Amino acid sequence: MMRFKNRTFLACALFGLALASCKSEDPVIENDEEVITDVTLRFTELNSSGTSVGDPFEFKASDPQGIELGTPTIESVTLSKGKSYKMEIILFNSIAGEDITAEVQEEADEHQFFFLGTAFVGSPVLTYSYNDQGGELIGLNGTVMVSQSPGFNNANMRIILRHDLDKNYPGATNPNFENFAQAGGETDLDITFPLVLE
């Protein structure tokens, strides 16, 4: 009887050891990118002296899984020819209830937006200028000027948020820097809004 118990114990011990050896030794890959489910572009018209006039209006892109993970619903941005606007970018993670805008602002030295697409490069219909507080170029706040007589009425606004880039890299101070990846870092957001000019 004692011999049977020892064999049972030995069998159980070997089975447990076999199970433990089956555990994966693969490292867990961490994803430090922010999940962004909602991107809002808020525009306020500016007069010739740069003062806000009228009420702000907004255009939104959203995906409940995260914009970089799913297929977001994206509203078309409609602006008027010859006008200037204050443009604010608002980022939110509805999954965790987090204000990503505040996080980007807190880590201002690590984040920067670039503005590309046919609206900003080539024969641009929009001109963007950074206007963030605190001296860091981020792009959460800026000024957009619309061409008085663009060659076309439709374009696209590609908005890219880079994280952990070298902001001193040559060209990185240009909001329309097409070679932004050369400044290093990773992309937290890459989204394109259709643009309609009235």
C-alpha atoms as a PDB file:
ATOM      1  CA  MET A   1       0.000   0.000   0.000  1.00  0.00           C
ATOM      2  CA  MET A   2       2.842   2.374   0.865  1.00  0.00           C
ATOM      3  CA  ARG A   3       4.537   1.586  -2.453  1.00  0.00           C
ATOM      4  CA  PHE A   4       1.298   2.503  -4.342  1.00  0.00           C
ATOM      5  CA  LYS A   5       1.061   5.843  -2.526  1.00  0.00           C
ATOM      6  CA  ASN A   6       4.695   6.643  -3.347  1.00  0.00           C
ATOM      7  CA  ARG A   7       4.100   5.791  -7.023  1.00  0.00           C
ATOM      8  CA  THR A   8       0.971   7.973  -7.044  1.00  0.00           C
ATOM      9  CA  PHE A   9       2.866  10.837  -5.435  1.00  0.00           C
ATOM     10  CA  LEU A  10       5.737  10.415  -7.893  1.00  0.00           C
ATOM     11  CA  ALA A  11       3.319  10.358 -10.860  1.00  0.00           C
ATOM     12  CA  CYS A  12       1.557  13.493  -9.623  1.00  0.00           C
ATOM     13  CA  ALA A  13       4.877  15.265  -9.087  1.00  0.00           C
ATOM     14  CA  LEU A  14       6.070  14.379 -12.600  1.00  0.00           C
ATOM     15  CA  PHE A  15       2.740  15.509 -14.095  1.00  0.00           C
ATOM     16  CA  GLY A  16       2.984  18.844 -12.256  1.00  0.00           C
ATOM     17  CA  LEU A  17       6.566  19.285 -13.434  1.00  0.00           C
ATOM     18  CA  ALA A  18       5.504  18.564 -17.024  1.00  0.00           C
ATOM     19  CA  LEU A  19       2.734  21.161 -16.786  1.00  0.00           C
ATOM     20  CA  ALA A  20       5.104  23.759 -15.381  1.00  0.00           C
ATOM     21  CA  SER A  21       7.599  23.126 -18.180  1.00  0.00           C
ATOM     22  CA  CYS A  22       4.855  23.791 -20.769  1.00  0.00           C
ATOM     23  CA  LYS A  23       4.545  27.432 -19.735  1.00  0.00           C
ATOM     24  CA  SER A  24       5.624  29.798 -22.481  1.00  0.00           C
ATOM     25  CA  GLU A  25       8.955  31.492 -21.968  1.00  0.00           C
ATOM     26  CA  ASP A  26       8.119  34.056 -24.665  1.00  0.00           C
ATOM     27  CA  PRO A  27       8.416  37.619 -23.372  1.00  0.00           C
ATOM     28  CA  VAL A  28       5.215  39.598 -23.051  1.00  0.00           C
ATOM     29  CA  ILE A  29       5.212  42.360 -25.635  1.00  0.00           C
ATOM     30  CA  GLU A  30       4.215  45.661 -24.108  1.00  0.00           C
ATOM     31  CA  ASN A  31       2.356  48.245 -26.131  1.00  0.00           C
ATOM     32  CA  ASP A  32       3.037  51.734 -24.813  1.00  0.00           C
ATOM     33  CA  GLU A  33       0.940  53.448 -27.486  1.00  0.00           C
ATOM     34  CA  GLU A  34      -2.088  55.325 -26.254  1.00  0.00           C
ATOM     35  CA  VAL A  35      -5.478  53.976 -27.252  1.00  0.00           C
ATOM     36  CA  ILE A  36      -7.369  56.839 -28.872  1.00  0.00           C
ATOM     37  CA  THR A  37     -11.039  56.221 -29.647  1.00  0.00           C
ATOM     38  CA  ASP A  38     -12.091  59.799 -30.431  1.00  0.00           C
ATOM     39  CA  VAL A  39     -10.375  62.630 -32.273  1.00  0.00           C
ATOM     40  CA  THR A  40     -12.151  65.984 -32.415  1.00  0.00           C
ATOM     41  CA  LEU A  41     -11.001  68.917 -34.543  1.00  0.00           C
ATOM     42  CA  ARG A  42     -12.455  72.117 -33.102  1.00  0.00           C
ATOM     43  CA  PHE A  43     -12.338  75.218 -35.286  1.00  0.00           C
ATOM     44  CA  THR A  44     -13.010  78.833 -34.350  1.00  0.00           C
ATOM     45  CA  GLU A  45     -12.930  81.533 -37.020  1.00  0.00           C
ATOM     46  CA  LEU A  46     -10.377  84.311 -36.536  1.00  0.00           C
ATOM     47  CA  ASN A  47     -10.704  87.882 -37.790  1.00  0.00           C
ATOM     48  CA  SER A  48      -7.864  89.836 -39.423  1.00  0.00           C
ATOM     49  CA  SER A  49      -6.383  90.725 -36.015  1.00  0.00           C
ATOM     50  CA  GLY A  50      -6.401  87.080 -34.873  1.00  0.00           C
ATOM     51  CA  THR A  51      -9.356  87.441 -32.498  1.00  0.00           C
ATOM     52  CA  SER A  52     -11.913  84.635 -32.291  1.00  0.00           C
ATOM     53  CA  VAL A  53     -15.284  85.418 -33.850  1.00  0.00           C
ATOM     54  CA  GLY A  54     -18.406  83.285 -33.770  1.00  0.00           C
ATOM     55  CA  ASP A  55     -18.969  79.946 -32.099  1.00  0.00           C
ATOM     56  CA  PRO A  56     -16.577  76.996 -32.344  1.00  0.00           C
ATOM     57  CA  PHE A  57     -17.603  74.087 -34.564  1.00  0.00           C
ATOM     58  CA  GLU A  58     -16.285  70.539 -34.566  1.00  0.00           C
ATOM     59  CA  PHE A  59     -15.590  67.526 -36.755  1.00  0.00           C
ATOM     60  CA  LYS A  60     -14.996  64.095 -35.264  1.00  0.00           C
ATOM     61  CA  ALA A  61     -13.455  60.705 -35.970  1.00  0.00           C
ATOM     62  CA  SER A  62     -14.248  57.800 -33.675  1.00  0.00           C
ATOM     63  CA  ASP A  63     -13.982  54.050 -33.280  1.00  0.00           C
ATOM     64  CA  PRO A  64     -14.995  52.202 -30.084  1.00  0.00           C
ATOM     65  CA  GLN A  65     -12.028  49.810 -30.426  1.00  0.00           C
ATOM     66  CA  GLY A  66      -9.473  52.553 -31.000  1.00  0.00           C
ATOM     67  CA  ILE A  67      -8.832  54.532 -34.155  1.00  0.00           C
ATOM     68  CA  GLU A  68      -5.555  52.750 -34.906  1.00  0.00           C
ATOM     69  CA  LEU A  69      -7.176  49.331 -34.333  1.00  0.00           C
ATOM     70  CA  GLY A  70     -10.524  49.581 -36.086  1.00  0.00           C
ATOM     71  CA  THR A  71     -12.234  51.322 -38.972  1.00  0.00           C
ATOM     72  CA  PRO A  72     -13.156  54.772 -37.675  1.00  0.00           C
ATOM     73  CA  THR A  73     -16.151  56.844 -38.677  1.00  0.00           C
ATOM     74  CA  ILE A  74     -14.709  60.131 -39.955  1.00  0.00           C
ATOM     75  CA  GLU A  75     -16.629  63.328 -40.599  1.00  0.00           C
ATOM     76  CA  SER A  76     -15.674  65.618 -43.476  1.00  0.00           C
ATOM     77  CA  VAL A  77     -14.153  68.949 -42.439  1.00  0.00           C
ATOM     78  CA  THR A  78     -15.853  71.928 -44.110  1.00  0.00           C
ATOM     79  CA  LEU A  79     -14.018  75.285 -44.136  1.00  0.00           C
ATOM     80  CA  SER A  80     -14.480  78.556 -46.025  1.00  0.00           C
ATOM     81  CA  LYS A  81     -12.018  79.855 -48.606  1.00  0.00           C
ATOM     82  CA  GLY A  82      -9.937  82.836 -47.555  1.00  0.00           C
ATOM     83  CA  LYS A  83     -10.673  82.419 -43.830  1.00  0.00           C
ATOM     84  CA  SER A  84      -8.383  81.757 -40.877  1.00  0.00           C
ATOM     85  CA  TYR A  85      -9.227  79.472 -37.988  1.00  0.00           C
ATOM     86  CA  LYS A  86      -7.940  78.466 -34.621  1.00  0.00           C
ATOM     87  CA  MET A  87      -7.747  74.660 -34.671  1.00  0.00           C
ATOM     88  CA  GLU A  88      -7.670  72.575 -31.494  1.00  0.00           C
ATOM     89  CA  ILE A  89      -7.185  68.808 -31.419  1.00  0.00           C
ATOM     90  CA  ILE A  90      -8.979  66.903 -28.655  1.00  0.00           C
ATOM     91  CA  LEU A  91      -8.097  63.247 -28.000  1.00  0.00           C
ATOM     92  CA  PHE A  92     -10.063  60.832 -25.830  1.00  0.00           C
ATOM     93  CA  ASN A  93     -10.010  57.160 -24.853  1.00  0.00           C
ATOM     94  CA  SER A  94     -13.646  56.224 -24.186  1.00  0.00           C
ATOM     95  CA  ILE A  95     -12.666  52.653 -23.206  1.00  0.00           C
ATOM     96  CA  ALA A  96     -10.773  53.842 -20.124  1.00  0.00           C
ATOM     97  CA  GLY A  97     -12.489  57.225 -19.787  1.00  0.00           C
ATOM     98  CA  GLU A  98      -9.134  59.004 -20.221  1.00  0.00           C
ATOM     99  CA  ASP A  99      -8.445  62.482 -21.558  1.00  0.00           C
ATOM    100  CA  ILE A 100      -5.496  61.773 -23.858  1.00  0.00           C
ATOM    101  CA  THR A 101      -5.197  65.484 -24.712  1.00  0.00           C
ATOM    102  CA  ALA A 102      -4.066  66.190 -21.144  1.00  0.00           C
ATOM    103  CA  GLU A 103      -1.503  63.370 -21.294  1.00  0.00           C
ATOM    104  CA  VAL A 104      -0.059  64.666 -24.552  1.00  0.00           C
ATOM    105  CA  GLN A 105       0.113  68.159 -23.036  1.00  0.00           C
ATOM    106  CA  GLU A 106       1.861  66.849 -19.904  1.00  0.00           C
ATOM    107  CA  GLU A 107       4.409  65.024 -22.080  1.00  0.00           C
ATOM    108  CA  ALA A 108       4.820  67.961 -24.448  1.00  0.00           C
ATOM    109  CA  ASP A 109       8.530  67.320 -24.990  1.00  0.00           C
ATOM    110  CA  GLU A 110       7.735  63.801 -26.278  1.00  0.00           C
ATOM    111  CA  HIS A 111       4.792  64.484 -28.629  1.00  0.00           C
ATOM    112  CA  GLN A 112       4.260  66.378 -31.858  1.00  0.00           C
ATOM    113  CA  PHE A 113       1.628  66.500 -34.591  1.00  0.00           C
ATOM    114  CA  PHE A 114       2.459  66.746 -38.283  1.00  0.00           C
ATOM    115  CA  PHE A 115      -0.051  67.870 -40.907  1.00  0.00           C
ATOM    116  CA  LEU A 116       0.143  66.301 -44.349  1.00  0.00           C
ATOM    117  CA  GLY A 117      -2.166  65.119 -47.110  1.00  0.00           C
ATOM    118  CA  THR A 118      -3.178  67.125 -50.172  1.00  0.00           C
ATOM    119  CA  ALA A 119      -4.538  69.885 -47.939  1.00  0.00           C
ATOM    120  CA  PHE A 120      -1.079  70.764 -46.583  1.00  0.00           C
ATOM    121  CA  VAL A 121       1.577  69.584 -49.087  1.00  0.00           C
ATOM    122  CA  GLY A 122       2.113  69.724 -52.829  1.00  0.00           C
ATOM    123  CA  SER A 123      -0.199  72.544 -53.878  1.00  0.00           C
ATOM    124  CA  PRO A 124      -1.542  73.214 -50.378  1.00  0.00           C
ATOM    125  CA  VAL A 125      -4.921  74.776 -49.747  1.00  0.00           C
ATOM    126  CA  LEU A 126      -4.274  75.039 -45.992  1.00  0.00           C
ATOM    127  CA  THR A 127      -1.366  76.617 -44.133  1.00  0.00           C
ATOM    128  CA  TYR A 128      -0.799  75.450 -40.549  1.00  0.00           C
ATOM    129  CA  SER A 129       1.141  77.231 -37.763  1.00  0.00           C
ATOM    130  CA  TYR A 130       1.817  75.793 -34.296  1.00  0.00           C
ATOM    131  CA  ASN A 131       0.351  77.929 -31.511  1.00  0.00           C
ATOM    132  CA  ASP A 132       0.858  75.828 -28.362  1.00  0.00           C
ATOM    133  CA  GLN A 133       1.426  77.373 -24.960  1.00  0.00           C
ATOM    134  CA  GLY A 134       4.664  76.764 -23.070  1.00  0.00           C
ATOM    135  CA  GLY A 135       7.125  76.946 -25.943  1.00  0.00           C
ATOM    136  CA  GLU A 136       6.893  73.313 -27.105  1.00  0.00           C
ATOM    137  CA  LEU A 137       5.712  72.540 -30.624  1.00  0.00           C
ATOM    138  CA  ILE A 138       2.911  70.007 -30.201  1.00  0.00           C
ATOM    139  CA  GLY A 139       0.004  70.856 -32.506  1.00  0.00           C
ATOM    140  CA  LEU A 140      -2.843  70.560 -30.011  1.00  0.00           C
ATOM    141  CA  ASN A 141      -3.420  74.256 -30.754  1.00  0.00           C
ATOM    142  CA  GLY A 142      -2.649  75.967 -34.006  1.00  0.00           C
ATOM    143  CA  THR A 143      -3.795  78.323 -36.721  1.00  0.00           C
ATOM    144  CA  VAL A 144      -5.101  77.197 -40.107  1.00  0.00           C
ATOM    145  CA  MET A 145      -5.318  79.615 -43.038  1.00  0.00           C
ATOM    146  CA  VAL A 146      -7.420  78.614 -46.053  1.00  0.00           C
ATOM    147  CA  SER A 147      -6.326  79.695 -49.508  1.00  0.00           C
ATOM    148  CA  GLN A 148      -8.432  82.445 -51.057  1.00  0.00           C
ATOM    149  CA  SER A 149      -8.487  80.780 -54.464  1.00  0.00           C
ATOM    150  CA  PRO A 150      -7.445  77.127 -54.214  1.00  0.00           C
ATOM    151  CA  GLY A 151      -7.149  75.112 -57.402  1.00  0.00           C
ATOM    152  CA  PHE A 152      -9.620  72.554 -56.080  1.00  0.00           C
ATOM    153  CA  ASN A 153     -12.413  72.324 -53.504  1.00  0.00           C
ATOM    154  CA  ASN A 154     -11.714  68.871 -52.060  1.00  0.00           C
ATOM    155  CA  ALA A 155      -8.583  67.587 -50.354  1.00  0.00           C
ATOM    156  CA  ASN A 156      -7.570  65.459 -47.388  1.00  0.00           C
ATOM    157  CA  MET A 157      -6.065  66.407 -44.048  1.00  0.00           C
ATOM    158  CA  ARG A 158      -3.684  63.712 -42.803  1.00  0.00           C
ATOM    159  CA  ILE A 159      -2.924  64.256 -39.119  1.00  0.00           C
ATOM    160  CA  ILE A 160      -0.088  62.301 -37.506  1.00  0.00           C
ATOM    161  CA  LEU A 161       0.856  62.259 -33.819  1.00  0.00           C
ATOM    162  CA  ARG A 162       4.425  61.132 -33.130  1.00  0.00           C
ATOM    163  CA  HIS A 163       5.702  60.055 -29.724  1.00  0.00           C
ATOM    164  CA  ASP A 164       9.287  60.105 -28.428  1.00  0.00           C
ATOM    165  CA  LEU A 165      10.738  61.808 -31.499  1.00  0.00           C
ATOM    166  CA  ASP A 166      13.838  64.006 -31.690  1.00  0.00           C
ATOM    167  CA  LYS A 167      12.307  67.477 -31.884  1.00  0.00           C
ATOM    168  CA  ASN A 168      15.724  68.937 -32.736  1.00  0.00           C
ATOM    169  CA  TYR A 169      16.007  66.851 -35.887  1.00  0.00           C
ATOM    170  CA  PRO A 170      16.445  69.107 -38.960  1.00  0.00           C
ATOM    171  CA  GLY A 171      13.008  69.809 -40.426  1.00  0.00           C
ATOM    172  CA  ALA A 172      11.029  68.646 -37.392  1.00  0.00           C
ATOM    173  CA  THR A 173       9.896  72.196 -36.624  1.00  0.00           C
ATOM    174  CA  ASN A 174       7.994  72.205 -39.932  1.00  0.00           C
ATOM    175  CA  PRO A 175       4.382  71.106 -39.304  1.00  0.00           C
ATOM    176  CA  ASN A 176       4.274  69.725 -42.863  1.00  0.00           C
ATOM    177  CA  PHE A 177       7.516  67.700 -42.563  1.00  0.00           C
ATOM    178  CA  GLU A 178       6.922  64.771 -44.916  1.00  0.00           C
ATOM    179  CA  ASN A 179       9.987  62.876 -43.645  1.00  0.00           C
ATOM    180  CA  PHE A 180       8.765  63.005 -40.029  1.00  0.00           C
ATOM    181  CA  ALA A 181       9.747  59.343 -39.472  1.00  0.00           C
ATOM    182  CA  GLN A 182      13.421  60.312 -39.835  1.00  0.00           C
ATOM    183  CA  ALA A 183      13.109  62.220 -36.542  1.00  0.00           C
ATOM    184  CA  GLY A 184      12.543  58.864 -34.817  1.00  0.00           C
ATOM    185  CA  GLY A 185       9.841  57.882 -32.378  1.00  0.00           C
ATOM    186  CA  GLU A 186       6.592  56.040 -32.988  1.00  0.00           C
ATOM    187  CA  THR A 187       3.201  56.933 -34.397  1.00  0.00           C
ATOM    188  CA  ASP A 188       0.373  57.176 -31.851  1.00  0.00           C
ATOM    189  CA  LEU A 189      -2.170  58.403 -34.393  1.00  0.00           C
ATOM    190  CA  ASP A 190      -2.396  58.577 -38.182  1.00  0.00           C
ATOM    191  CA  ILE A 191      -5.794  59.665 -39.452  1.00  0.00           C
ATOM    192  CA  THR A 192      -7.092  61.394 -42.573  1.00  0.00           C
ATOM    193  CA  PHE A 193     -10.090  63.733 -42.586  1.00  0.00           C
ATOM    194  CA  PRO A 194     -11.729  64.612 -45.929  1.00  0.00           C
ATOM    195  CA  LEU A 195     -11.691  68.379 -46.501  1.00  0.00           C
ATOM    196  CA  VAL A 196     -14.382  70.339 -48.347  1.00  0.00           C
ATOM    197  CA  LEU A 197     -13.868  74.025 -49.142  1.00  0.00           C
ATOM    198  CA  GLU A 198     -16.834  76.342 -49.587  1.00  0.00           C
END
